[in-house]
N, C-alpha and C. Protein backbone atom coordinates (compact mmCIF):
# COMPACT_ATOMS: atom_id res chain seq x y z
N MET A 1 116.64 -1.40 277.54
CA MET A 1 116.77 -2.31 278.65
C MET A 1 115.40 -2.46 279.31
N GLY A 2 115.04 -3.67 279.66
CA GLY A 2 113.73 -3.92 280.26
C GLY A 2 113.72 -3.64 281.75
N SER A 3 112.52 -3.63 282.29
CA SER A 3 112.37 -3.33 283.70
C SER A 3 113.06 -4.35 284.61
N THR A 4 112.94 -5.63 284.21
CA THR A 4 113.56 -6.70 285.01
C THR A 4 115.08 -6.53 285.02
N SER A 5 115.63 -6.22 283.85
CA SER A 5 117.05 -6.01 283.74
C SER A 5 117.52 -4.87 284.59
N ASP A 6 116.77 -3.76 284.58
CA ASP A 6 117.10 -2.60 285.40
C ASP A 6 117.09 -2.97 286.89
N LYS A 7 116.09 -3.72 287.29
CA LYS A 7 115.97 -4.10 288.70
C LYS A 7 117.11 -5.06 289.12
N ILE A 8 117.47 -5.99 288.26
CA ILE A 8 118.58 -6.90 288.58
C ILE A 8 119.89 -6.15 288.68
N LYS A 9 120.16 -5.29 287.70
CA LYS A 9 121.37 -4.53 287.76
C LYS A 9 121.40 -3.60 288.98
N GLY A 10 120.24 -3.06 289.30
CA GLY A 10 120.13 -2.20 290.46
C GLY A 10 120.48 -2.94 291.74
N LYS A 11 119.92 -4.12 291.92
CA LYS A 11 120.21 -4.93 293.10
C LYS A 11 121.70 -5.31 293.18
N ALA A 12 122.26 -5.64 292.01
CA ALA A 12 123.71 -5.99 291.96
C ALA A 12 124.53 -4.77 292.38
N ASN A 13 124.24 -3.60 291.83
CA ASN A 13 124.99 -2.41 292.17
C ASN A 13 124.80 -2.05 293.66
N GLU A 14 123.63 -2.24 294.19
CA GLU A 14 123.43 -1.98 295.61
C GLU A 14 124.28 -2.90 296.45
N ALA A 15 124.30 -4.19 296.10
CA ALA A 15 125.07 -5.17 296.87
C ALA A 15 126.56 -4.88 296.78
N ILE A 16 127.05 -4.59 295.58
CA ILE A 16 128.47 -4.30 295.40
C ILE A 16 128.84 -3.03 296.15
N GLY A 17 127.98 -2.03 296.06
CA GLY A 17 128.23 -0.78 296.75
C GLY A 17 128.29 -0.95 298.26
N LYS A 18 127.38 -1.77 298.84
CA LYS A 18 127.43 -2.05 300.28
C LYS A 18 128.70 -2.81 300.65
N GLY A 19 129.09 -3.73 299.75
CA GLY A 19 130.37 -4.46 299.99
C GLY A 19 131.56 -3.52 300.02
N LYS A 20 131.60 -2.60 299.06
CA LYS A 20 132.69 -1.64 299.02
C LYS A 20 132.71 -0.76 300.26
N GLN A 21 131.51 -0.39 300.71
CA GLN A 21 131.47 0.42 301.92
C GLN A 21 132.00 -0.38 303.13
N GLY A 22 131.64 -1.64 303.18
CA GLY A 22 132.14 -2.48 304.26
C GLY A 22 133.65 -2.65 304.25
N VAL A 23 134.20 -2.88 303.06
CA VAL A 23 135.65 -2.96 302.92
C VAL A 23 136.29 -1.63 303.29
N GLY A 24 135.70 -0.53 302.83
CA GLY A 24 136.25 0.78 303.14
C GLY A 24 136.21 1.06 304.64
N GLU A 25 135.14 0.61 305.30
CA GLU A 25 135.03 0.77 306.74
C GLU A 25 136.10 -0.05 307.46
N ALA A 26 136.26 -1.31 307.02
CA ALA A 26 137.22 -2.22 307.67
C ALA A 26 138.67 -1.76 307.48
N THR A 27 138.93 -1.16 306.34
CA THR A 27 140.32 -0.72 306.07
C THR A 27 140.51 0.78 306.29
N ASP A 28 139.51 1.42 306.80
CA ASP A 28 139.54 2.87 307.06
C ASP A 28 139.90 3.64 305.80
N ASN A 29 139.28 3.24 304.69
CA ASN A 29 139.53 3.82 303.38
C ASN A 29 138.30 4.67 302.98
N ASP A 30 138.43 5.97 303.19
CA ASP A 30 137.31 6.87 302.88
C ASP A 30 136.95 6.87 301.38
N ASN A 31 137.94 6.70 300.53
CA ASN A 31 137.71 6.65 299.09
C ASN A 31 136.80 5.46 298.73
N MET A 32 137.14 4.30 299.29
CA MET A 32 136.34 3.10 299.01
C MET A 32 134.92 3.22 299.55
N LYS A 33 134.79 3.83 300.73
CA LYS A 33 133.46 4.04 301.31
C LYS A 33 132.64 4.97 300.41
N GLY A 34 133.29 6.01 299.89
CA GLY A 34 132.59 6.93 299.00
C GLY A 34 132.17 6.26 297.70
N GLU A 35 133.05 5.48 297.11
CA GLU A 35 132.73 4.75 295.88
C GLU A 35 131.56 3.80 296.13
N GLY A 36 131.55 3.17 297.26
CA GLY A 36 130.50 2.23 297.60
C GLY A 36 129.17 2.92 297.73
N LYS A 37 129.16 4.07 298.37
CA LYS A 37 127.91 4.83 298.54
C LYS A 37 127.38 5.28 297.19
N VAL A 38 128.28 5.73 296.32
CA VAL A 38 127.85 6.17 294.98
C VAL A 38 127.27 4.98 294.23
N GLN A 39 127.92 3.84 294.28
CA GLN A 39 127.43 2.67 293.55
C GLN A 39 126.11 2.18 294.14
N GLU A 40 125.97 2.21 295.44
CA GLU A 40 124.71 1.81 296.05
C GLU A 40 123.57 2.73 295.60
N THR A 41 123.84 4.02 295.61
CA THR A 41 122.81 5.00 295.17
C THR A 41 122.47 4.79 293.69
N LYS A 42 123.46 4.49 292.85
CA LYS A 42 123.20 4.20 291.46
C LYS A 42 122.26 2.98 291.35
N GLY A 43 122.53 1.96 292.15
CA GLY A 43 121.68 0.78 292.16
C GLY A 43 120.27 1.08 292.56
N GLU A 44 120.12 1.93 293.57
CA GLU A 44 118.76 2.29 294.01
C GLU A 44 118.02 3.01 292.91
N ALA A 45 118.72 3.87 292.17
CA ALA A 45 118.10 4.62 291.06
C ALA A 45 117.69 3.65 289.94
N GLN A 46 118.53 2.66 289.65
CA GLN A 46 118.19 1.69 288.64
C GLN A 46 116.95 0.90 289.05
N GLY A 47 116.84 0.57 290.31
CA GLY A 47 115.64 -0.14 290.79
C GLY A 47 114.38 0.69 290.61
N VAL A 48 114.48 1.97 290.94
CA VAL A 48 113.34 2.88 290.78
C VAL A 48 112.99 3.00 289.29
N LYS A 49 114.00 3.07 288.44
CA LYS A 49 113.76 3.13 287.01
C LYS A 49 112.98 1.89 286.52
N GLY A 50 113.41 0.74 287.00
CA GLY A 50 112.71 -0.51 286.65
C GLY A 50 111.27 -0.54 287.13
N GLU A 51 111.04 -0.05 288.32
CA GLU A 51 109.67 0.00 288.86
C GLU A 51 108.83 0.98 288.05
N ALA A 52 109.44 2.10 287.63
CA ALA A 52 108.68 3.07 286.81
C ALA A 52 108.32 2.48 285.47
N LYS A 53 109.22 1.72 284.88
CA LYS A 53 108.92 1.07 283.62
C LYS A 53 107.73 0.08 283.79
N ASP A 54 107.75 -0.63 284.88
CA ASP A 54 106.65 -1.57 285.15
C ASP A 54 105.31 -0.83 285.26
N THR A 55 105.34 0.28 285.98
CA THR A 55 104.12 1.06 286.18
C THR A 55 103.58 1.58 284.84
N VAL A 56 104.48 2.10 284.01
CA VAL A 56 104.08 2.60 282.68
C VAL A 56 103.51 1.46 281.84
N LYS A 57 104.20 0.31 281.87
CA LYS A 57 103.74 -0.83 281.07
C LYS A 57 102.35 -1.28 281.53
N LYS A 58 102.12 -1.35 282.82
CA LYS A 58 100.81 -1.75 283.32
C LYS A 58 99.76 -0.77 282.90
N GLY A 59 100.06 0.51 282.87
CA GLY A 59 99.12 1.54 282.43
C GLY A 59 98.79 1.40 280.94
N VAL A 60 99.80 1.12 280.16
CA VAL A 60 99.60 0.92 278.73
C VAL A 60 98.79 -0.35 278.47
N ASP A 61 99.09 -1.39 279.19
CA ASP A 61 98.36 -2.66 279.02
C ASP A 61 96.88 -2.50 279.34
N ARG A 62 96.56 -1.64 280.28
CA ARG A 62 95.15 -1.45 280.71
C ARG A 62 94.37 -0.64 279.64
N ALA A 63 95.10 0.18 278.91
CA ALA A 63 94.45 1.08 277.90
C ALA A 63 94.02 0.35 276.68
């Protein structure tokens, strides 16, 4: 998977996770809030992974 793909999936997971947290908050559903937080964190990690791939690629391109 490329860096752009990781970043896109990361942003999508972050958005979906925040949405789940909002629904969980509105419905007082702790399970949904927890799922949302996990998904948001997963998305953040995917974004970091994409950034790391970019950094490595830039380093290789300079060499």
